[in-house]
C-alpha cells in the first residue's frame, strides 16, 4: 500500500535529474581537451589513402555497377 509514495519520490528524483542536472562548464571542458578554441588553428593536412588496386592489371575490367546488380538478385 505504500507504493504510491515511493513511486512519487522516484518520479521526483528522475525529473530532477532529467531537467535540472548539472550545467556543463564549457570553458573547463575546452581546457581539459587542450583545445585553443580557434578552428583556424587546426591542421588541415590529412593522409592520402592510396588505391590498393593501382597495380592490378585486371582492375580496369572491373565494373562496380555490375557487381551491385548481382548482389541485389
PDB file of N, CA and C in Angstrom:
ATOM      1  N   UNK A   1       0.808  -1.182   0.000  1.00  0.00           N
ATOM      2  CA  UNK A   1       0.000   0.000   0.000  1.00  0.00           C
ATOM      3  C   UNK A   1       0.863   1.263   0.000  1.00  0.00           C
ATOM      4  N   UNK A   2       2.101   1.158   0.343  1.00  0.00           N
ATOM      5  CA  UNK A   2       2.978   2.320   0.404  1.00  0.00           C
ATOM      6  C   UNK A   2       3.677   2.606  -0.909  1.00  0.00           C
ATOM      7  N   UNK A   3       3.269   1.940  -1.981  1.00  0.00           N
ATOM      8  CA  UNK A   3       3.944   2.095  -3.268  1.00  0.00           C
ATOM      9  C   UNK A   3       3.763   3.490  -3.851  1.00  0.00           C
ATOM     10  N   UNK A   4       2.699   4.160  -3.598  1.00  0.00           N
ATOM     11  CA  UNK A   4       2.418   5.481  -4.159  1.00  0.00           C
ATOM     12  C   UNK A   4       3.455   6.514  -3.751  1.00  0.00           C
ATOM     13  N   UNK A   5       3.833   6.503  -2.501  1.00  0.00           N
ATOM     14  CA  UNK A   5       4.834   7.445  -2.013  1.00  0.00           C
ATOM     15  C   UNK A   5       6.203   7.164  -2.610  1.00  0.00           C
ATOM     16  N   UNK A   6       6.575   5.890  -2.698  1.00  0.00           N
ATOM     17  CA  UNK A   6       7.876   5.509  -3.254  1.00  0.00           C
ATOM     18  C   UNK A   6       7.959   5.873  -4.738  1.00  0.00           C
ATOM     19  N   UNK A   7       6.858   5.610  -5.446  1.00  0.00           N
ATOM     20  CA  UNK A   7       6.843   5.939  -6.873  1.00  0.00           C
ATOM     21  C   UNK A   7       6.904   7.452  -7.080  1.00  0.00           C
ATOM     22  N   UNK A   8       6.217   8.213  -6.260  1.00  0.00           N
ATOM     23  CA  UNK A   8       6.254   9.670  -6.374  1.00  0.00           C
ATOM     24  C   UNK A   8       7.665  10.200  -6.122  1.00  0.00           C
ATOM     25  N   UNK A   9       8.346   9.615  -5.152  1.00  0.00           N
ATOM     26  CA  UNK A   9       9.718  10.030  -4.844  1.00  0.00           C
ATOM     27  C   UNK A   9      10.640   9.708  -6.021  1.00  0.00           C
ATOM     28  N   UNK A  10      10.500   8.515  -6.608  1.00  0.00           N
ATOM     29  CA  UNK A  10      11.316   8.135  -7.758  1.00  0.00           C
ATOM     30  C   UNK A  10      11.058   9.054  -8.942  1.00  0.00           C
ATOM     31  N   UNK A  11       9.795   9.405  -9.166  1.00  0.00           N
ATOM     32  CA  UNK A  11       9.440  10.308 -10.252  1.00  0.00           C
ATOM     33  C   UNK A  11      10.057  11.683 -10.033  1.00  0.00           C
ATOM     34  N   UNK A  12      10.017  12.152  -8.799  1.00  0.00           N
ATOM     35  CA  UNK A  12      10.593  13.454  -8.471  1.00  0.00           C
ATOM     36  C   UNK A  12      12.097  13.462  -8.711  1.00  0.00           C
ATOM     37  N   UNK A  13      12.775  12.413  -8.286  1.00  0.00           N
ATOM     38  CA  UNK A  13      14.227  12.318  -8.481  1.00  0.00           C
ATOM     39  C   UNK A  13      14.554  12.227  -9.973  1.00  0.00           C
ATOM     40  N   UNK A  14      13.780  11.439 -10.719  1.00  0.00           N
ATOM     41  CA  UNK A  14      14.032  11.285 -12.150  1.00  0.00           C
ATOM     42  C   UNK A  14      13.853  12.612 -12.886  1.00  0.00           C
ATOM     43  N   UNK A  15      12.818  13.359 -12.531  1.00  0.00           N
ATOM     44  CA  UNK A  15      12.602  14.665 -13.171  1.00  0.00           C
ATOM     45  C   UNK A  15      13.706  15.646 -12.824  1.00  0.00           C
ATOM     46  N   UNK A  16      14.157  15.604 -11.582  1.00  0.00           N
ATOM     47  CA  UNK A  16      15.245  16.497 -11.168  1.00  0.00           C
ATOM     48  C   UNK A  16      16.517  16.194 -11.950  1.00  0.00           C
ATOM     49  N   UNK A  17      16.790  14.912 -12.176  1.00  0.00           N
ATOM     50  CA  UNK A  17      17.980  14.539 -12.948  1.00  0.00           C
ATOM     51  C   UNK A  17      17.838  14.903 -14.426  1.00  0.00           C
ATOM     52  N   UNK A  18      16.629  14.725 -14.955  1.00  0.00           N
ATOM     53  CA  UNK A  18      16.408  14.973 -16.386  1.00  0.00           C
ATOM     54  C   UNK A  18      16.431  16.452 -16.726  1.00  0.00           C
ATOM     55  N   UNK A  19      15.765  17.263 -15.937  1.00  0.00           N
ATOM     56  CA  UNK A  19      15.609  18.670 -16.280  1.00  0.00           C
ATOM     57  C   UNK A  19      16.518  19.614 -15.506  1.00  0.00           C
ATOM     58  N   UNK A  20      16.985  19.208 -14.352  1.00  0.00           N
ATOM     59  CA  UNK A  20      17.774  20.126 -13.534  1.00  0.00           C
ATOM     60  C   UNK A  20      19.164  19.604 -13.257  1.00  0.00           C
ATOM     61  N   UNK A  21      19.691  18.844 -14.190  1.00  0.00           N
ATOM     62  CA  UNK A  21      21.012  18.264 -13.997  1.00  0.00           C
ATOM     63  C   UNK A  21      22.100  19.311 -13.952  1.00  0.00           C
ATOM     64  N   UNK A  22      23.296  18.892 -13.659  1.00  0.00           N
ATOM     65  CA  UNK A  22      24.406  19.837 -13.559  1.00  0.00           C
ATOM     66  C   UNK A  22      24.689  20.506 -14.905  1.00  0.00           C
ATOM     67  N   UNK A  23      25.027  21.761 -14.850  1.00  0.00           N
ATOM     68  CA  UNK A  23      25.338  22.516 -16.060  1.00  0.00           C
ATOM     69  C   UNK A  23      26.759  22.202 -16.503  1.00  0.00           C
ATOM     70  N   UNK A  24      26.966  22.100 -17.792  1.00  0.00           N
ATOM     71  CA  UNK A  24      28.278  21.790 -18.335  1.00  0.00           C
ATOM     72  C   UNK A  24      29.125  23.054 -18.369  1.00  0.00           C
ATOM     73  N   UNK A  25      30.309  22.966 -17.790  1.00  0.00           N
ATOM     74  CA  UNK A  25      31.247  24.079 -17.809  1.00  0.00           C
ATOM     75  C   UNK A  25      32.092  23.955 -19.079  1.00  0.00           C
ATOM     76  N   UNK A  26      31.707  24.689 -20.123  1.00  0.00           N
ATOM     77  CA  UNK A  26      32.351  24.546 -21.418  1.00  0.00           C
ATOM     78  C   UNK A  26      33.799  25.034 -21.410  1.00  0.00           C
ATOM     79  N   UNK A  27      34.096  26.059 -20.613  1.00  0.00           N
ATOM     80  CA  UNK A  27      35.476  26.544 -20.537  1.00  0.00           C
ATOM     81  C   UNK A  27      36.398  25.490 -19.922  1.00  0.00           C
ATOM     82  N   UNK A  28      35.906  24.849 -18.883  1.00  0.00           N
ATOM     83  CA  UNK A  28      36.709  23.805 -18.248  1.00  0.00           C
ATOM     84  C   UNK A  28      36.887  22.615 -19.190  1.00  0.00           C
ATOM     85  N   UNK A  29      35.841  22.252 -19.906  1.00  0.00           N
ATOM     86  CA  UNK A  29      35.915  21.156 -20.862  1.00  0.00           C
ATOM     87  C   UNK A  29      36.909  21.467 -21.965  1.00  0.00           C
ATOM     88  N   UNK A  30      36.887  22.697 -22.450  1.00  0.00           N
ATOM     89  CA  UNK A  30      37.815  23.100 -23.502  1.00  0.00           C
ATOM     90  C   UNK A  30      39.253  23.030 -23.002  1.00  0.00           C
ATOM     91  N   UNK A  31      39.499  23.469 -21.782  1.00  0.00           N
ATOM     92  CA  UNK A  31      40.844  23.410 -21.212  1.00  0.00           C
ATOM     93  C   UNK A  31      41.279  21.964 -21.004  1.00  0.00           C
ATOM     94  N   UNK A  32      40.346  21.112 -20.610  1.00  0.00           N
ATOM     95  CA  UNK A  32      40.655  19.714 -20.369  1.00  0.00           C
ATOM     96  C   UNK A  32      41.006  18.987 -21.666  1.00  0.00           C
ATOM     97  N   UNK A  33      40.330  19.359 -22.744  1.00  0.00           N
ATOM     98  CA  UNK A  33      40.617  18.736 -24.034  1.00  0.00           C
ATOM     99  C   UNK A  33      41.861  19.317 -24.695  1.00  0.00           C
ATOM    100  N   UNK A  34      42.338  20.437 -24.196  1.00  0.00           N
ATOM    101  CA  UNK A  34      43.552  21.027 -24.733  1.00  0.00           C
ATOM    102  C   UNK A  34      43.339  21.787 -26.016  1.00  0.00           C
ATOM    103  N   UNK A  35      42.135  22.225 -26.249  1.00  0.00           N
ATOM    104  CA  UNK A  35      41.823  22.945 -27.471  1.00  0.00           C
ATOM    105  C   UNK A  35      42.110  24.432 -27.290  1.00  0.00           C
ATOM    106  N   UNK A  36      42.573  25.071 -28.365  1.00  0.00           N
ATOM    107  CA  UNK A  36      42.832  26.506 -28.306  1.00  0.00           C
ATOM    108  C   UNK A  36      41.569  27.302 -28.575  1.00  0.00           C
ATOM    109  N   UNK A  37      40.578  26.678 -29.175  1.00  0.00           N
ATOM    110  CA  UNK A  37      39.307  27.351 -29.379  1.00  0.00           C
ATOM    111  C   UNK A  37      39.120  27.932 -30.762  1.00  0.00           C
ATOM    112  N   UNK A  38      40.175  28.155 -31.510  1.00  0.00           N
ATOM    113  CA  UNK A  38      40.002  28.733 -32.837  1.00  0.00           C
ATOM    114  C   UNK A  38      40.106  27.633 -33.891  1.00  0.00           C
ATOM    115  N   UNK A  39      39.097  27.501 -34.725  1.00  0.00           N
ATOM    116  CA  UNK A  39      39.119  26.448 -35.736  1.00  0.00           C
ATOM    117  C   UNK A  39      40.209  26.649 -36.781  1.00  0.00           C
ATOM    118  N   UNK A  40      40.696  27.871 -36.945  1.00  0.00           N
ATOM    119  CA  UNK A  40      41.732  28.111 -37.945  1.00  0.00           C
ATOM    120  C   UNK A  40      43.074  27.538 -37.518  1.00  0.00           C
ATOM    121  N   UNK A  41      43.225  27.212 -36.231  1.00  0.00           N
ATOM    122  CA  UNK A  41      44.486  26.672 -35.756  1.00  0.00           C
ATOM    123  C   UNK A  41      44.591  25.167 -35.997  1.00  0.00           C
ATOM    124  N   UNK A  42      43.509  24.541 -36.447  1.00  0.00           N
ATOM    125  CA  UNK A  42      43.546  23.117 -36.711  1.00  0.00           C
ATOM    126  C   UNK A  42      44.394  22.828 -37.936  1.00  0.00           C
ATOM    127  N   UNK A  43      45.052  21.696 -37.904  1.00  0.00           N
ATOM    128  CA  UNK A  43      45.905  21.296 -39.015  1.00  0.00           C
ATOM    129  C   UNK A  43      45.033  20.729 -40.125  1.00  0.00           C
ATOM    130  N   UNK A  44      45.098  21.310 -41.310  1.00  0.00           N
ATOM    131  CA  UNK A  44      44.264  20.871 -42.425  1.00  0.00           C
ATOM    132  C   UNK A  44      44.892  19.743 -43.231  1.00  0.00           C
ATOM    133  N   UNK A  45      46.087  19.328 -42.852  1.00  0.00           N
ATOM    134  CA  UNK A  45      46.716  18.247 -43.602  1.00  0.00           C
ATOM    135  C   UNK A  45      46.046  16.922 -43.239  1.00  0.00           C
ATOM    136  N   UNK A  46      46.075  16.000 -44.154  1.00  0.00           N
ATOM    137  CA  UNK A  46      45.489  14.693 -43.937  1.00  0.00           C
ATOM    138  C   UNK A  46      46.282  13.666 -44.719  1.00  0.00           C
ATOM    139  N   UNK A  47      46.148  12.437 -44.334  1.00  0.00           N
ATOM    140  CA  UNK A  47      46.841  11.358 -45.019  1.00  0.00           C
ATOM    141  C   UNK A  47      46.075  10.980 -46.280  1.00  0.00           C
ATOM    142  N   UNK A  48      46.801  10.808 -47.348  1.00  0.00           N
ATOM    143  CA  UNK A  48      46.199  10.405 -48.604  1.00  0.00           C
ATOM    144  C   UNK A  48      46.162   8.881 -48.629  1.00  0.00           C
ATOM    145  N   UNK A  49      44.973   8.336 -48.847  1.00  0.00           N
ATOM    146  CA  UNK A  49      44.827   6.894 -48.924  1.00  0.00           C
ATOM    147  C   UNK A  49      45.067   6.486 -50.366  1.00  0.00           C
ATOM    148  N   UNK A  50      46.061   5.650 -50.539  1.00  0.00           N
ATOM    149  CA  UNK A  50      46.389   5.220 -51.897  1.00  0.00           C
ATOM    150  C   UNK A  50      45.491   4.057 -52.308  1.00  0.00           C
ATOM    151  N   UNK A  51      45.267   3.944 -53.598  1.00  0.00           N
ATOM    152  CA  UNK A  51      44.436   2.882 -54.139  1.00  0.00           C
ATOM    153  C   UNK A  51      45.183   1.550 -54.017  1.00  0.00           C
ATOM    154  N   UNK A  52      44.643   0.582 -53.274  1.00  0.00           N
ATOM    155  CA  UNK A  52      45.347  -0.694 -53.120  1.00  0.00           C
ATOM    156  C   UNK A  52      45.358  -1.522 -54.405  1.00  0.00           C
ATOM    157  N   UNK A  53      44.511  -1.162 -55.362  1.00  0.00           N
ATOM    158  CA  UNK A  53      44.434  -1.909 -56.610  1.00  0.00           C
ATOM    159  C   UNK A  53      45.081  -1.159 -57.772  1.00  0.00           C
ATOM    160  N   UNK A  54      45.914  -0.190 -57.491  1.00  0.00           N
ATOM    161  CA  UNK A  54      46.515   0.618 -58.543  1.00  0.00           C
ATOM    162  C   UNK A  54      47.411  -0.214 -59.452  1.00  0.00           C
ATOM    163  N   UNK A  55      48.082  -1.216 -58.906  1.00  0.00           N
ATOM    164  CA  UNK A  55      48.993  -2.025 -59.723  1.00  0.00           C
ATOM    165  C   UNK A  55      48.342  -3.310 -60.235  1.00  0.00           C
ATOM    166  N   UNK A  56      47.025  -3.463 -60.052  1.00  0.00           N
ATOM    167  CA  UNK A  56      46.313  -4.644 -60.517  1.00  0.00           C
ATOM    168  C   UNK A  56      46.002  -4.497 -62.004  1.00  0.00           C
ATOM    169  N   UNK A  57      46.522  -5.386 -62.842  1.00  0.00           N
ATOM    170  CA  UNK A  57      46.284  -5.243 -64.287  1.00  0.00           C
ATOM    171  C   UNK A  57      44.835  -5.519 -64.686  1.00  0.00           C
ATOM    172  N   UNK A  58      44.058  -6.184 -63.839  1.00  0.00           N
ATOM    173  CA  UNK A  58      42.683  -6.518 -64.178  1.00  0.00           C
ATOM    174  C   UNK A  58      41.671  -5.525 -63.601  1.00  0.00           C
ATOM    175  N   UNK A  59      42.135  -4.535 -62.884  1.00  0.00           N
ATOM    176  CA  UNK A  59      41.230  -3.576 -62.258  1.00  0.00           C
ATOM    177  C   UNK A  59      40.432  -2.793 -63.292  1.00  0.00           C
ATOM    178  N   UNK A  60      41.000  -2.558 -64.459  1.00  0.00           N
ATOM    179  CA  UNK A  60      40.281  -1.782 -65.464  1.00  0.00           C
ATOM    180  C   UNK A  60      39.088  -2.552 -66.033  1.00  0.00           C
ATOM    181  N   UNK A  61      39.036  -3.871 -65.843  1.00  0.00           N
ATOM    182  CA  UNK A  61      37.926  -4.674 -66.344  1.00  0.00           C
ATOM    183  C   UNK A  61      36.802  -4.820 -65.334  1.00  0.00           C
ATOM    184  N   UNK A  62      37.004  -4.348 -64.115  1.00  0.00           N
ATOM    185  CA  UNK A  62      36.006  -4.487 -63.054  1.00  0.00           C
ATOM    186  C   UNK A  62      34.939  -3.414 -63.203  1.00  0.00           C
ATOM    187  N   UNK A  63      33.688  -3.817 -63.199  1.00  0.00           N
ATOM    188  CA  UNK A  63      32.576  -2.885 -63.311  1.00  0.00           C
ATOM    189  C   UNK A  63      31.798  -2.921 -62.005  1.00  0.00           C
ATOM    190  N   UNK A  64      31.828  -1.827 -61.234  1.00  0.00           N
ATOM    191  CA  UNK A  64      31.176  -1.789 -59.930  1.00  0.00           C
ATOM    192  C   UNK A  64      29.660  -1.915 -60.058  1.00  0.00           C
ATOM    193  N   UNK A  65      29.064  -1.332 -61.087  1.00  0.00           N
ATOM    194  CA  UNK A  65      27.613  -1.390 -61.254  1.00  0.00           C
ATOM    195  C   UNK A  65      27.150  -2.822 -61.473  1.00  0.00           C
ATOM    196  N   UNK A  66      27.917  -3.604 -62.221  1.00  0.00           N
ATOM    197  CA  UNK A  66      27.562  -4.984 -62.488  1.00  0.00           C
ATOM    198  C   UNK A  66      27.594  -5.802 -61.197  1.00  0.00           C
ATOM    199  N   UNK A  67      28.569  -5.517 -60.346  1.00  0.00           N
ATOM    200  CA  UNK A  67      28.685  -6.219 -59.076  1.00  0.00           C
ATOM    201  C   UNK A  67      27.497  -5.930 -58.172  1.00  0.00           C
ATOM    202  N   UNK A  68      27.005  -4.681 -58.164  1.00  0.00           N
ATOM    203  CA  UNK A  68      25.870  -4.315 -57.345  1.00  0.00           C
ATOM    204  C   UNK A  68      24.596  -4.993 -57.839  1.00  0.00           C
ATOM    205  N   UNK A  69      24.439  -5.118 -59.149  1.00  0.00           N
ATOM    206  CA  UNK A  69      23.252  -5.752 -59.703  1.00  0.00           C
ATOM    207  C   UNK A  69      23.190  -7.242 -59.331  1.00  0.00           C
ATOM    208  N   UNK A  70      24.317  -7.912 -59.319  1.00  0.00           N
ATOM    209  CA  UNK A  70      24.337  -9.337 -58.993  1.00  0.00           C
ATOM    210  C   UNK A  70      24.021  -9.589 -57.523  1.00  0.00           C
ATOM    211  N   UNK A  71      24.481  -8.701 -56.640  1.00  0.00           N
ATOM    212  CA  UNK A  71      24.220  -8.904 -55.211  1.00  0.00           C
ATOM    213  C   UNK A  71      22.777  -8.609 -54.856  1.00  0.00           C
ATOM    214  N   UNK A  72      22.081  -7.810 -55.656  1.00  0.00           N
ATOM    215  CA  UNK A  72      20.683  -7.472 -55.379  1.00  0.00           C
ATOM    216  C   UNK A  72      19.751  -8.622 -55.786  1.00  0.00           C
ATOM    217  N   UNK A  73      20.191  -9.467 -56.672  1.00  0.00           N
ATOM    218  CA  UNK A  73      19.325 -10.562 -57.153  1.00  0.00           C
ATOM    219  C   UNK A  73      19.286 -11.719 -56.200  1.00  0.00           C
TER     220      UNK A  73
END
